[in-house]
């Protein structure tokens, strides 16, 4: 079943390549959506795909970018909208 997952990534996640590596990992996992920096220093990810792939992606988000220091990830789950056709950096 397709799901939509919105993640707020808190910690040292800007200026360390977090968006670039997130895009590559999402594409590798077949996820659709986007990643972008927010003014408060966090990163937001909106991703759609299979629930199992999204759950595994959350695990990657904690430790996938070596130069980042993720302190917390807030999650919001909902039904997929199917409005994304790729995974972009915004």
Protein backbone atom coordinates (compact mmCIF):
# COMPACT_ATOMS: atom_id res chain seq x y z
CA UNK A 1 0.00 0.00 0.00
CA UNK A 2 1.29 3.45 -0.94
CA UNK A 3 1.75 5.94 1.89
CA UNK A 4 2.89 9.53 2.28
CA UNK A 5 5.46 10.37 4.93
CA UNK A 6 6.48 13.86 6.03
CA UNK A 7 9.67 14.02 8.07
CA UNK A 8 11.09 16.99 9.96
CA UNK A 9 14.80 16.34 10.44
CA UNK A 10 16.30 18.28 13.35
CA UNK A 11 20.00 18.68 14.16
CA UNK A 12 23.05 19.60 12.12
CA UNK A 13 21.53 18.84 8.73
CA UNK A 14 22.17 21.94 6.64
CA UNK A 15 25.46 22.61 4.88
CA UNK A 16 26.50 18.95 5.07
CA UNK A 17 25.06 17.53 1.83
CA UNK A 18 21.97 16.15 3.54
CA UNK A 19 19.54 17.07 0.74
CA UNK A 20 21.82 15.68 -1.99
CA UNK A 21 22.31 12.30 -0.28
CA UNK A 22 18.64 12.12 0.67
CA UNK A 23 17.65 12.58 -2.97
CA UNK A 24 20.05 9.83 -4.08
CA UNK A 25 18.78 7.43 -1.40
CA UNK A 26 15.12 8.15 -2.14
CA UNK A 27 15.67 7.55 -5.84
CA UNK A 28 17.48 4.29 -5.06
CA UNK A 29 14.48 3.17 -2.99
CA UNK A 30 11.93 4.20 -5.65
CA UNK A 31 10.39 6.97 -3.53
CA UNK A 32 8.76 10.12 -4.90
CA UNK A 33 8.58 13.59 -3.34
CA UNK A 34 11.07 16.24 -2.26
CA UNK A 35 13.55 17.41 0.35
CA UNK A 36 14.17 21.04 1.31
CA UNK A 37 15.90 23.21 3.90
CA UNK A 38 13.77 25.28 6.24
CA UNK A 39 14.71 28.67 7.69
CA UNK A 40 14.88 27.24 11.22
CA UNK A 41 17.86 25.03 10.26
CA UNK A 42 15.89 21.82 9.86
CA UNK A 43 15.20 19.78 6.74
CA UNK A 44 11.77 18.60 5.65
CA UNK A 45 11.24 15.49 3.54
CA UNK A 46 7.95 14.57 1.89
CA UNK A 47 8.11 11.07 0.42
CA UNK A 48 5.61 8.68 -1.07
CA UNK A 49 6.04 4.98 -1.67
CA UNK A 50 5.49 1.58 -0.14
CA UNK A 51 5.15 1.69 3.63
CA UNK A 52 8.00 -0.79 4.20
CA UNK A 53 10.34 1.25 1.98
CA UNK A 54 9.40 4.44 3.86
CA UNK A 55 10.03 2.82 7.26
CA UNK A 56 13.47 1.67 6.11
CA UNK A 57 14.10 5.17 4.73
CA UNK A 58 13.47 6.65 8.19
CA UNK A 59 16.25 4.47 9.59
CA UNK A 60 18.57 5.68 6.83
CA UNK A 61 17.71 9.33 7.60
CA UNK A 62 19.22 9.01 11.09
CA UNK A 63 22.66 7.82 9.98
CA UNK A 64 22.82 7.93 6.18
CA UNK A 65 24.77 11.18 5.90
CA UNK A 66 27.99 10.85 7.88
CA UNK A 67 28.65 14.59 8.21
CA UNK A 68 25.15 15.24 9.61
CA UNK A 69 24.17 15.00 13.27
CA UNK A 70 20.47 14.12 13.40
CA UNK A 71 19.03 14.80 16.84
CA UNK A 72 15.36 14.07 16.19
CA UNK A 73 12.98 13.10 13.40
CA UNK A 74 9.30 13.99 13.63
CA UNK A 75 7.03 11.81 11.48
CA UNK A 76 3.60 12.42 9.98
CA UNK A 77 1.94 9.59 8.04
CA UNK A 78 -0.96 9.96 5.61
CA UNK A 79 -2.37 8.43 2.45
CA UNK A 80 -0.34 8.89 -0.74
CA UNK A 81 -1.50 11.62 -3.11
CA UNK A 82 0.37 10.27 -6.16
CA UNK A 83 1.16 13.84 -7.22
CA UNK A 84 4.93 13.31 -7.38
CA UNK A 85 6.73 11.75 -10.35
CA UNK A 86 10.32 11.98 -9.10
CA UNK A 87 12.29 13.05 -6.02
CA UNK A 88 13.55 16.62 -6.08
CA UNK A 89 15.65 18.99 -4.03
CA UNK A 90 13.60 22.15 -3.43
